[in-house]
């Protein structure tokens, strides 16, 4: 992706998520409208639902009819914005490519509901899927950005509660180091058109509400990762969060976790969300879908 292309997509994104004096509800509304600025995505259905007491949506590719398997998806947005609606246009193709129905959880957001509300809701949704009769080896968890970090935190929390692990998990551009210890936060600050320090500091503060930023369930980079299922991690080379993904890979592998790691040249933060106008976004979704299909045939 050229510098000009990154700037164009970043401008499109920033129109919908501009921080500054914009209120959280306004930022949420703007992100929810992002897909309306891109070509329409068809070929899937979205249905409101509640699993384990957590509201959300079932998103299914038109040919997906399985009831014995599912993917729990945790959207990004810095724990303060984002929703099933904001990611619906991305999850339709992921459902089609993976062959899995997707439950996109509408977990509680900060600052109204700070840490650990998002983790509690994600674990409740996962347990709800298990209680519905779906076997653990027919389940997967995935998420992007904050939702990628939340994916790892959910696995850790579920493991510690004695719940069986799902077949696999997918973390797209994961944010799993809230203290921002990675060098890429500084060395790639000018290259990343989406993740900016002021914005990420504001979101981290809203989510933590005074909690320790190195708490393992807030920043799962500091968690014990033993016993987690196979992971797919995708990250772009231009991301300020690139080192989060690299460190997560190292930590997981040192704990004996099987990791498939993909660093996408020239890509920015969660480029998948721009797939209607970015072929690399569609390609990355397809690869994530293939990973899921191989683990849950």
C-alpha atoms as a PDB file:
ATOM      1  CA  UNK A   1       0.000   0.000   0.000  1.00  0.00           C
ATOM      2  CA  UNK A   2       1.405   3.380  -0.975  1.00  0.00           C
ATOM      3  CA  UNK A   3       1.756   6.292   1.445  1.00  0.00           C
ATOM      4  CA  UNK A   4      -0.972   8.075  -0.492  1.00  0.00           C
ATOM      5  CA  UNK A   5      -3.330   5.091  -0.179  1.00  0.00           C
ATOM      6  CA  UNK A   6      -2.708   4.890   3.562  1.00  0.00           C
ATOM      7  CA  UNK A   7      -3.416   8.594   3.933  1.00  0.00           C
ATOM      8  CA  UNK A   8      -6.633   8.286   1.952  1.00  0.00           C
ATOM      9  CA  UNK A   9      -7.926   5.396   4.059  1.00  0.00           C
ATOM     10  CA  UNK A  10      -6.816   7.078   7.262  1.00  0.00           C
ATOM     11  CA  UNK A  11      -8.718  10.190   6.252  1.00  0.00           C
ATOM     12  CA  UNK A  12     -11.820   8.099   5.679  1.00  0.00           C
ATOM     13  CA  UNK A  13     -11.407   6.481   9.086  1.00  0.00           C
ATOM     14  CA  UNK A  14     -10.662   9.719  10.921  1.00  0.00           C
ATOM     15  CA  UNK A  15     -13.844  11.299   9.601  1.00  0.00           C
ATOM     16  CA  UNK A  16     -15.720   8.715  11.623  1.00  0.00           C
ATOM     17  CA  UNK A  17     -13.543   8.371  14.730  1.00  0.00           C
ATOM     18  CA  UNK A  18     -12.055  11.819  15.244  1.00  0.00           C
ATOM     19  CA  UNK A  19     -11.271  12.307  18.911  1.00  0.00           C
ATOM     20  CA  UNK A  20     -10.621  15.704  20.437  1.00  0.00           C
ATOM     21  CA  UNK A  21     -13.745  17.227  21.932  1.00  0.00           C
ATOM     22  CA  UNK A  22     -16.094  14.720  20.333  1.00  0.00           C
ATOM     23  CA  UNK A  23     -18.166  12.823  22.904  1.00  0.00           C
ATOM     24  CA  UNK A  24     -17.998   9.040  23.231  1.00  0.00           C
ATOM     25  CA  UNK A  25     -21.567   8.603  21.895  1.00  0.00           C
ATOM     26  CA  UNK A  26     -20.704  10.732  18.865  1.00  0.00           C
ATOM     27  CA  UNK A  27     -17.527   8.745  18.212  1.00  0.00           C
ATOM     28  CA  UNK A  28     -19.505   5.503  18.471  1.00  0.00           C
ATOM     29  CA  UNK A  29     -22.100   6.745  15.987  1.00  0.00           C
ATOM     30  CA  UNK A  30     -19.404   7.818  13.561  1.00  0.00           C
ATOM     31  CA  UNK A  31     -17.582   4.482  13.638  1.00  0.00           C
ATOM     32  CA  UNK A  32     -20.879   2.665  13.152  1.00  0.00           C
ATOM     33  CA  UNK A  33     -21.368   4.683   9.949  1.00  0.00           C
ATOM     34  CA  UNK A  34     -17.921   3.896   8.521  1.00  0.00           C
ATOM     35  CA  UNK A  35     -19.170   1.091   6.283  1.00  0.00           C
ATOM     36  CA  UNK A  36     -21.665   3.491   4.708  1.00  0.00           C
ATOM     37  CA  UNK A  37     -18.751   5.434   3.208  1.00  0.00           C
ATOM     38  CA  UNK A  38     -17.544   2.357   1.324  1.00  0.00           C
ATOM     39  CA  UNK A  39     -19.129   0.134  -1.328  1.00  0.00           C
ATOM     40  CA  UNK A  40     -21.936  -1.991   0.103  1.00  0.00           C
ATOM     41  CA  UNK A  41     -21.092  -5.535   1.215  1.00  0.00           C
ATOM     42  CA  UNK A  42     -23.762  -8.158   0.536  1.00  0.00           C
ATOM     43  CA  UNK A  43     -24.040 -11.918   0.859  1.00  0.00           C
ATOM     44  CA  UNK A  44     -24.687 -12.186   4.593  1.00  0.00           C
ATOM     45  CA  UNK A  45     -27.452 -11.877   7.164  1.00  0.00           C
ATOM     46  CA  UNK A  46     -27.399 -10.182  10.594  1.00  0.00           C
ATOM     47  CA  UNK A  47     -29.856 -11.107  13.325  1.00  0.00           C
ATOM     48  CA  UNK A  48     -30.058  -9.593  16.849  1.00  0.00           C
ATOM     49  CA  UNK A  49     -29.513 -12.142  19.601  1.00  0.00           C
ATOM     50  CA  UNK A  50     -28.496 -12.623  23.211  1.00  0.00           C
ATOM     51  CA  UNK A  51     -26.036 -15.299  24.346  1.00  0.00           C
ATOM     52  CA  UNK A  52     -25.143 -15.854  27.977  1.00  0.00           C
ATOM     53  CA  UNK A  53     -27.011 -12.684  28.841  1.00  0.00           C
ATOM     54  CA  UNK A  54     -24.882 -10.642  26.416  1.00  0.00           C
ATOM     55  CA  UNK A  55     -26.558  -8.821  23.535  1.00  0.00           C
ATOM     56  CA  UNK A  56     -25.099  -9.020  20.057  1.00  0.00           C
ATOM     57  CA  UNK A  57     -25.736 -10.257  16.540  1.00  0.00           C
ATOM     58  CA  UNK A  58     -25.564 -13.535  14.724  1.00  0.00           C
ATOM     59  CA  UNK A  59     -23.849 -12.832  11.412  1.00  0.00           C
ATOM     60  CA  UNK A  60     -23.988 -15.556   8.777  1.00  0.00           C
ATOM     61  CA  UNK A  61     -22.744 -15.784   5.231  1.00  0.00           C
ATOM     62  CA  UNK A  62     -25.691 -16.663   2.987  1.00  0.00           C
ATOM     63  CA  UNK A  63     -24.468 -20.248   2.540  1.00  0.00           C
ATOM     64  CA  UNK A  64     -23.592 -20.792   6.218  1.00  0.00           C
ATOM     65  CA  UNK A  65     -26.149 -22.994   7.946  1.00  0.00           C
ATOM     66  CA  UNK A  66     -24.133 -24.737  10.657  1.00  0.00           C
ATOM     67  CA  UNK A  67     -25.636 -24.926  14.134  1.00  0.00           C
ATOM     68  CA  UNK A  68     -22.950 -27.164  15.636  1.00  0.00           C
ATOM     69  CA  UNK A  69     -20.142 -24.581  15.546  1.00  0.00           C
ATOM     70  CA  UNK A  70     -19.609 -20.847  16.002  1.00  0.00           C
ATOM     71  CA  UNK A  71     -17.103 -18.008  16.180  1.00  0.00           C
ATOM     72  CA  UNK A  72     -17.331 -15.493  19.028  1.00  0.00           C
ATOM     73  CA  UNK A  73     -16.164 -12.129  17.681  1.00  0.00           C
ATOM     74  CA  UNK A  74     -14.987  -9.235  19.869  1.00  0.00           C
ATOM     75  CA  UNK A  75     -14.892  -5.939  17.970  1.00  0.00           C
ATOM     76  CA  UNK A  76     -12.181  -3.316  18.250  1.00  0.00           C
ATOM     77  CA  UNK A  77     -12.508   0.338  19.186  1.00  0.00           C
ATOM     78  CA  UNK A  78     -10.239   0.878  22.169  1.00  0.00           C
ATOM     79  CA  UNK A  79     -12.801  -0.581  24.603  1.00  0.00           C
ATOM     80  CA  UNK A  80     -14.740   2.689  24.254  1.00  0.00           C
ATOM     81  CA  UNK A  81     -16.256   2.651  20.745  1.00  0.00           C
ATOM     82  CA  UNK A  82     -17.226   0.020  18.173  1.00  0.00           C
ATOM     83  CA  UNK A  83     -20.124  -2.415  17.989  1.00  0.00           C
ATOM     84  CA  UNK A  84     -21.410  -5.355  15.984  1.00  0.00           C
ATOM     85  CA  UNK A  85     -22.756  -2.783  13.515  1.00  0.00           C
ATOM     86  CA  UNK A  86     -19.362  -1.154  12.951  1.00  0.00           C
ATOM     87  CA  UNK A  87     -17.836  -4.529  12.048  1.00  0.00           C
ATOM     88  CA  UNK A  88     -20.785  -6.196  10.368  1.00  0.00           C
ATOM     89  CA  UNK A  89     -19.470  -5.544   6.843  1.00  0.00           C
ATOM     90  CA  UNK A  90     -16.179  -7.274   7.775  1.00  0.00           C
ATOM     91  CA  UNK A  91     -17.737 -10.233   9.565  1.00  0.00           C
ATOM     92  CA  UNK A  92     -20.069 -11.212   6.719  1.00  0.00           C
ATOM     93  CA  UNK A  93     -17.130 -12.248   4.509  1.00  0.00           C
ATOM     94  CA  UNK A  94     -15.338 -13.842   7.482  1.00  0.00           C
ATOM     95  CA  UNK A  95     -18.401 -16.000   8.127  1.00  0.00           C
ATOM     96  CA  UNK A  96     -18.541 -17.032   4.474  1.00  0.00           C
ATOM     97  CA  UNK A  97     -14.805 -17.815   4.319  1.00  0.00           C
ATOM     98  CA  UNK A  98     -14.724 -19.758   7.590  1.00  0.00           C
ATOM     99  CA  UNK A  99     -18.056 -21.499   7.131  1.00  0.00           C
ATOM    100  CA  UNK A 100     -18.956 -20.441  10.687  1.00  0.00           C
ATOM    101  CA  UNK A 101     -21.863 -18.438  12.057  1.00  0.00           C
ATOM    102  CA  UNK A 102     -20.446 -15.512  14.023  1.00  0.00           C
ATOM    103  CA  UNK A 103     -21.806 -14.160  17.285  1.00  0.00           C
ATOM    104  CA  UNK A 104     -20.576 -10.561  17.481  1.00  0.00           C
ATOM    105  CA  UNK A 105     -20.815  -9.614  21.136  1.00  0.00           C
ATOM    106  CA  UNK A 106     -21.992  -6.106  22.029  1.00  0.00           C
ATOM    107  CA  UNK A 107     -19.911  -6.050  25.190  1.00  0.00           C
ATOM    108  CA  UNK A 108     -20.098  -3.104  27.586  1.00  0.00           C
ATOM    109  CA  UNK A 109     -17.896  -0.108  26.781  1.00  0.00           C
ATOM    110  CA  UNK A 110     -15.793   2.325  28.787  1.00  0.00           C
ATOM    111  CA  UNK A 111     -15.886   4.851  30.305  1.00  0.00           C
ATOM    112  CA  UNK A 112     -19.404   3.935  31.462  1.00  0.00           C
ATOM    113  CA  UNK A 113     -18.288   0.348  32.102  1.00  0.00           C
ATOM    114  CA  UNK A 114     -14.535   0.193  32.758  1.00  0.00           C
ATOM    115  CA  UNK A 115     -12.251  -2.819  33.118  1.00  0.00           C
ATOM    116  CA  UNK A 116     -13.026  -5.664  33.715  1.00  0.00           C
ATOM    117  CA  UNK A 117     -16.553  -5.291  32.266  1.00  0.00           C
ATOM    118  CA  UNK A 118     -15.478  -6.178  28.711  1.00  0.00           C
ATOM    119  CA  UNK A 119     -13.685  -9.320  29.914  1.00  0.00           C
ATOM    120  CA  UNK A 120     -16.627 -10.359  32.068  1.00  0.00           C
ATOM    121  CA  UNK A 121     -19.029  -9.965  29.138  1.00  0.00           C
ATOM    122  CA  UNK A 122     -16.784 -11.815  26.708  1.00  0.00           C
ATOM    123  CA  UNK A 123     -16.387 -14.753  29.083  1.00  0.00           C
ATOM    124  CA  UNK A 124     -20.155 -14.788  29.686  1.00  0.00           C
ATOM    125  CA  UNK A 125     -20.786 -14.923  25.926  1.00  0.00           C
ATOM    126  CA  UNK A 126     -18.263 -17.745  25.508  1.00  0.00           C
ATOM    127  CA  UNK A 127     -19.821 -19.710  28.373  1.00  0.00           C
ATOM    128  CA  UNK A 128     -23.250 -19.025  26.857  1.00  0.00           C
ATOM    129  CA  UNK A 129     -22.159 -20.612  23.588  1.00  0.00           C
ATOM    130  CA  UNK A 130     -20.892 -23.656  25.491  1.00  0.00           C
ATOM    131  CA  UNK A 131     -24.140 -23.841  27.475  1.00  0.00           C
ATOM    132  CA  UNK A 132     -26.114 -23.724  24.221  1.00  0.00           C
ATOM    133  CA  UNK A 133     -24.706 -27.149  23.397  1.00  0.00           C
ATOM    134  CA  UNK A 134     -21.812 -26.239  21.087  1.00  0.00           C
ATOM    135  CA  UNK A 135     -18.741 -28.288  21.943  1.00  0.00           C
ATOM    136  CA  UNK A 136     -15.569 -26.375  22.791  1.00  0.00           C
ATOM    137  CA  UNK A 137     -13.711 -27.938  19.858  1.00  0.00           C
ATOM    138  CA  UNK A 138     -16.335 -26.433  17.551  1.00  0.00           C
ATOM    139  CA  UNK A 139     -15.858 -22.912  18.919  1.00  0.00           C
ATOM    140  CA  UNK A 140     -13.344 -20.171  18.174  1.00  0.00           C
ATOM    141  CA  UNK A 141     -12.773 -16.643  19.462  1.00  0.00           C
ATOM    142  CA  UNK A 142     -11.512 -13.730  17.368  1.00  0.00           C
ATOM    143  CA  UNK A 143     -11.176  -9.971  17.586  1.00  0.00           C
ATOM    144  CA  UNK A 144      -9.378  -6.935  16.233  1.00  0.00           C
ATOM    145  CA  UNK A 145      -7.344  -4.209  17.963  1.00  0.00           C
ATOM    146  CA  UNK A 146      -8.716  -3.928  21.524  1.00  0.00           C
ATOM    147  CA  UNK A 147     -10.892  -6.900  20.604  1.00  0.00           C
ATOM    148  CA  UNK A 148      -7.720  -8.805  19.706  1.00  0.00           C
ATOM    149  CA  UNK A 149      -6.317  -8.150  23.156  1.00  0.00           C
ATOM    150  CA  UNK A 150      -9.718  -8.985  24.620  1.00  0.00           C
ATOM    151  CA  UNK A 151      -9.632 -12.287  22.734  1.00  0.00           C
ATOM    152  CA  UNK A 152      -6.450 -13.281  24.582  1.00  0.00           C
ATOM    153  CA  UNK A 153      -7.784 -11.972  27.904  1.00  0.00           C
ATOM    154  CA  UNK A 154     -10.986 -13.980  27.413  1.00  0.00           C
ATOM    155  CA  UNK A 155      -9.008 -17.148  26.806  1.00  0.00           C
ATOM    156  CA  UNK A 156      -6.932 -16.552  29.941  1.00  0.00           C
ATOM    157  CA  UNK A 157      -9.978 -15.770  32.085  1.00  0.00           C
ATOM    158  CA  UNK A 158     -11.928 -18.743  30.725  1.00  0.00           C
ATOM    159  CA  UNK A 159      -8.970 -21.057  31.348  1.00  0.00           C
ATOM    160  CA  UNK A 160      -8.618 -19.804  34.906  1.00  0.00           C
ATOM    161  CA  UNK A 161     -12.348 -20.407  35.486  1.00  0.00           C
ATOM    162  CA  UNK A 162     -11.923 -24.018  34.393  1.00  0.00           C
ATOM    163  CA  UNK A 163     -13.784 -23.641  31.102  1.00  0.00           C
ATOM    164  CA  UNK A 164     -12.609 -25.775  28.168  1.00  0.00           C
ATOM    165  CA  UNK A 165     -10.551 -23.986  25.546  1.00  0.00           C
ATOM    166  CA  UNK A 166     -11.955 -23.395  22.065  1.00  0.00           C
ATOM    167  CA  UNK A 167     -10.427 -24.975  18.984  1.00  0.00           C
ATOM    168  CA  UNK A 168      -8.465 -21.841  18.098  1.00  0.00           C
ATOM    169  CA  UNK A 169      -8.368 -18.052  18.255  1.00  0.00           C
ATOM    170  CA  UNK A 170      -7.563 -15.171  15.896  1.00  0.00           C
ATOM    171  CA  UNK A 171      -6.075 -11.805  16.900  1.00  0.00           C
ATOM    172  CA  UNK A 172      -6.074  -9.082  14.238  1.00  0.00           C
ATOM    173  CA  UNK A 173      -3.764  -6.135  14.992  1.00  0.00           C
ATOM    174  CA  UNK A 174      -4.076  -6.940  18.710  1.00  0.00           C
ATOM    175  CA  UNK A 175      -3.724  -4.248  21.375  1.00  0.00           C
ATOM    176  CA  UNK A 176      -2.433  -6.233  24.325  1.00  0.00           C
ATOM    177  CA  UNK A 177       0.084  -3.851  25.936  1.00  0.00           C
ATOM    178  CA  UNK A 178      -1.787  -0.870  27.393  1.00  0.00           C
ATOM    179  CA  UNK A 179       1.411   0.637  28.918  1.00  0.00           C
ATOM    180  CA  UNK A 180       2.768   0.887  25.339  1.00  0.00           C
ATOM    181  CA  UNK A 181       6.143  -0.665  26.043  1.00  0.00           C
ATOM    182  CA  UNK A 182       6.881  -1.656  22.449  1.00  0.00           C
ATOM    183  CA  UNK A 183       9.402   0.357  20.451  1.00  0.00           C
ATOM    184  CA  UNK A 184       6.989   0.506  17.497  1.00  0.00           C
ATOM    185  CA  UNK A 185       4.815   2.957  19.450  1.00  0.00           C
ATOM    186  CA  UNK A 186       7.665   5.425  18.916  1.00  0.00           C
ATOM    187  CA  UNK A 187       9.468   4.249  15.789  1.00  0.00           C
ATOM    188  CA  UNK A 188       6.291   3.861  13.699  1.00  0.00           C
ATOM    189  CA  UNK A 189       4.289   6.741  15.152  1.00  0.00           C
ATOM    190  CA  UNK A 190       4.531   8.749  11.929  1.00  0.00           C
ATOM    191  CA  UNK A 191       3.947   5.723   9.711  1.00  0.00           C
ATOM    192  CA  UNK A 192       0.704   4.648  11.393  1.00  0.00           C
ATOM    193  CA  UNK A 193      -2.138   6.835  10.107  1.00  0.00           C
ATOM    194  CA  UNK A 194      -4.751   5.446  12.511  1.00  0.00           C
ATOM    195  CA  UNK A 195      -3.315   4.659  15.958  1.00  0.00           C
ATOM    196  CA  UNK A 196      -2.150   7.910  17.544  1.00  0.00           C
ATOM    197  CA  UNK A 197      -0.728   8.301  21.049  1.00  0.00           C
ATOM    198  CA  UNK A 198      -3.239  10.896  22.243  1.00  0.00           C
ATOM    199  CA  UNK A 199      -6.164   8.737  21.187  1.00  0.00           C
ATOM    200  CA  UNK A 200      -4.815   5.494  22.575  1.00  0.00           C
ATOM    201  CA  UNK A 201      -3.858   7.174  25.863  1.00  0.00           C
ATOM    202  CA  UNK A 202      -7.397   8.525  26.212  1.00  0.00           C
ATOM    203  CA  UNK A 203      -8.956   5.133  25.503  1.00  0.00           C
ATOM    204  CA  UNK A 204      -6.623   3.300  27.872  1.00  0.00           C
ATOM    205  CA  UNK A 205      -7.395   5.748  30.670  1.00  0.00           C
ATOM    206  CA  UNK A 206     -11.136   5.443  30.070  1.00  0.00           C
ATOM    207  CA  UNK A 207     -10.961   1.645  30.134  1.00  0.00           C
ATOM    208  CA  UNK A 208      -8.612   1.254  33.083  1.00  0.00           C
ATOM    209  CA  UNK A 209     -10.265   3.879  35.318  1.00  0.00           C
ATOM    210  CA  UNK A 210      -7.277   3.726  37.638  1.00  0.00           C
ATOM    211  CA  UNK A 211      -6.619  -0.027  37.381  1.00  0.00           C
ATOM    212  CA  UNK A 212      -3.066  -1.298  36.910  1.00  0.00           C
ATOM    213  CA  UNK A 213      -2.316  -1.132  33.147  1.00  0.00           C
ATOM    214  CA  UNK A 214      -0.209  -4.278  33.527  1.00  0.00           C
ATOM    215  CA  UNK A 215      -3.087  -6.287  34.968  1.00  0.00           C
ATOM    216  CA  UNK A 216      -2.984  -9.566  32.999  1.00  0.00           C
ATOM    217  CA  UNK A 217      -6.614  -9.310  31.889  1.00  0.00           C
ATOM    218  CA  UNK A 218      -6.257  -5.658  30.835  1.00  0.00           C
ATOM    219  CA  UNK A 219      -2.900  -6.160  29.096  1.00  0.00           C
ATOM    220  CA  UNK A 220      -2.731  -9.883  28.344  1.00  0.00           C
ATOM    221  CA  UNK A 221       0.858  -9.513  27.171  1.00  0.00           C
ATOM    222  CA  UNK A 222       1.618  -9.803  30.908  1.00  0.00           C
ATOM    223  CA  UNK A 223      -0.588 -12.866  31.454  1.00  0.00           C
ATOM    224  CA  UNK A 224       0.486 -16.478  31.776  1.00  0.00           C
ATOM    225  CA  UNK A 225      -0.441 -17.921  28.384  1.00  0.00           C
ATOM    226  CA  UNK A 226       0.023 -21.630  28.989  1.00  0.00           C
ATOM    227  CA  UNK A 227      -2.761 -23.902  27.834  1.00  0.00           C
ATOM    228  CA  UNK A 228      -4.181 -21.549  25.201  1.00  0.00           C
ATOM    229  CA  UNK A 229      -5.361 -22.962  21.859  1.00  0.00           C
ATOM    230  CA  UNK A 230      -3.604 -22.385  18.526  1.00  0.00           C
ATOM    231  CA  UNK A 231      -3.485 -18.702  17.577  1.00  0.00           C
ATOM    232  CA  UNK A 232      -3.431 -16.791  14.313  1.00  0.00           C
ATOM    233  CA  UNK A 233      -1.986 -13.296  14.668  1.00  0.00           C
ATOM    234  CA  UNK A 234      -2.161 -10.831  11.779  1.00  0.00           C
ATOM    235  CA  UNK A 235      -0.513  -7.397  11.951  1.00  0.00           C
ATOM    236  CA  UNK A 236       0.537  -4.700   9.479  1.00  0.00           C
ATOM    237  CA  UNK A 237       4.141  -3.547   9.183  1.00  0.00           C
ATOM    238  CA  UNK A 238       3.114   0.124   9.469  1.00  0.00           C
ATOM    239  CA  UNK A 239       1.321  -0.242  12.781  1.00  0.00           C
ATOM    240  CA  UNK A 240       2.272   1.483  16.014  1.00  0.00           C
ATOM    241  CA  UNK A 241       0.931  -1.720  17.583  1.00  0.00           C
ATOM    242  CA  UNK A 242       3.265  -3.954  15.563  1.00  0.00           C
ATOM    243  CA  UNK A 243       5.400  -4.796  18.584  1.00  0.00           C
ATOM    244  CA  UNK A 244       2.314  -5.840  20.566  1.00  0.00           C
ATOM    245  CA  UNK A 245       1.761  -8.604  18.031  1.00  0.00           C
ATOM    246  CA  UNK A 246       5.434  -9.605  17.900  1.00  0.00           C
ATOM    247  CA  UNK A 247       5.688  -9.748  21.699  1.00  0.00           C
ATOM    248  CA  UNK A 248       2.433 -11.704  21.957  1.00  0.00           C
ATOM    249  CA  UNK A 249       3.804 -14.263  19.514  1.00  0.00           C
ATOM    250  CA  UNK A 250       7.006 -14.641  21.542  1.00  0.00           C
ATOM    251  CA  UNK A 251       5.193 -14.891  24.868  1.00  0.00           C
ATOM    252  CA  UNK A 252       2.686 -17.421  23.546  1.00  0.00           C
ATOM    253  CA  UNK A 253       5.316 -19.610  21.908  1.00  0.00           C
ATOM    254  CA  UNK A 254       7.432 -19.570  25.074  1.00  0.00           C
ATOM    255  CA  UNK A 255       4.351 -20.886  26.898  1.00  0.00           C
ATOM    256  CA  UNK A 256       4.027 -23.751  24.427  1.00  0.00           C
ATOM    257  CA  UNK A 257       1.191 -22.257  22.372  1.00  0.00           C
ATOM    258  CA  UNK A 258       1.084 -22.940  18.640  1.00  0.00           C
ATOM    259  CA  UNK A 259       1.180 -19.602  16.796  1.00  0.00           C
ATOM    260  CA  UNK A 260       0.665 -18.745  13.135  1.00  0.00           C
ATOM    261  CA  UNK A 261       2.039 -15.233  12.635  1.00  0.00           C
ATOM    262  CA  UNK A 262       1.507 -12.976   9.619  1.00  0.00           C
ATOM    263  CA  UNK A 263       3.134  -9.557   9.248  1.00  0.00           C
ATOM    264  CA  UNK A 264       1.540  -7.852   6.235  1.00  0.00           C
ATOM    265  CA  UNK A 265       3.856  -5.523   4.346  1.00  0.00           C
ATOM    266  CA  UNK A 266       2.656  -1.934   4.030  1.00  0.00           C
ATOM    267  CA  UNK A 267      -0.569  -2.494   5.942  1.00  0.00           C
ATOM    268  CA  UNK A 268      -1.966  -0.218   8.622  1.00  0.00           C
ATOM    269  CA  UNK A 269      -4.019  -0.933  11.714  1.00  0.00           C
ATOM    270  CA  UNK A 270      -6.933  -3.354  11.105  1.00  0.00           C
ATOM    271  CA  UNK A 271      -6.742  -2.917   7.340  1.00  0.00           C
ATOM    272  CA  UNK A 272      -9.347  -5.684   7.152  1.00  0.00           C
ATOM    273  CA  UNK A 273     -12.097  -3.177   7.911  1.00  0.00           C
ATOM    274  CA  UNK A 274     -11.396  -1.425   4.608  1.00  0.00           C
ATOM    275  CA  UNK A 275     -11.788  -4.578   2.542  1.00  0.00           C
ATOM    276  CA  UNK A 276     -14.535  -3.131   0.270  1.00  0.00           C
ATOM    277  CA  UNK A 277     -11.887  -0.796  -1.188  1.00  0.00           C
ATOM    278  CA  UNK A 278      -8.653  -2.594  -0.266  1.00  0.00           C
ATOM    279  CA  UNK A 279      -7.805  -5.953  -1.794  1.00  0.00           C
ATOM    280  CA  UNK A 280      -5.276  -6.778   0.946  1.00  0.00           C
ATOM    281  CA  UNK A 281      -8.075  -6.440   3.470  1.00  0.00           C
ATOM    282  CA  UNK A 282     -10.143  -9.016   1.628  1.00  0.00           C
ATOM    283  CA  UNK A 283      -7.104 -11.295   1.280  1.00  0.00           C
ATOM    284  CA  UNK A 284      -6.367 -11.130   5.022  1.00  0.00           C
ATOM    285  CA  UNK A 285      -9.983 -11.966   5.879  1.00  0.00           C
ATOM    286  CA  UNK A 286      -9.807 -14.939   3.517  1.00  0.00           C
ATOM    287  CA  UNK A 287      -6.641 -16.223   5.194  1.00  0.00           C
ATOM    288  CA  UNK A 288      -8.214 -15.873   8.630  1.00  0.00           C
ATOM    289  CA  UNK A 289     -11.264 -17.740   7.345  1.00  0.00           C
ATOM    290  CA  UNK A 290      -9.066 -20.548   6.018  1.00  0.00           C
ATOM    291  CA  UNK A 291      -7.294 -20.837   9.367  1.00  0.00           C
ATOM    292  CA  UNK A 292     -10.642 -21.180  11.134  1.00  0.00           C
ATOM    293  CA  UNK A 293     -11.973 -23.676   8.587  1.00  0.00           C
ATOM    294  CA  UNK A 294      -8.927 -25.904   9.013  1.00  0.00           C
ATOM    295  CA  UNK A 295      -9.310 -25.895  12.791  1.00  0.00           C
ATOM    296  CA  UNK A 296     -13.082 -26.378  12.753  1.00  0.00           C
ATOM    297  CA  UNK A 297     -13.780 -28.454   9.631  1.00  0.00           C
END
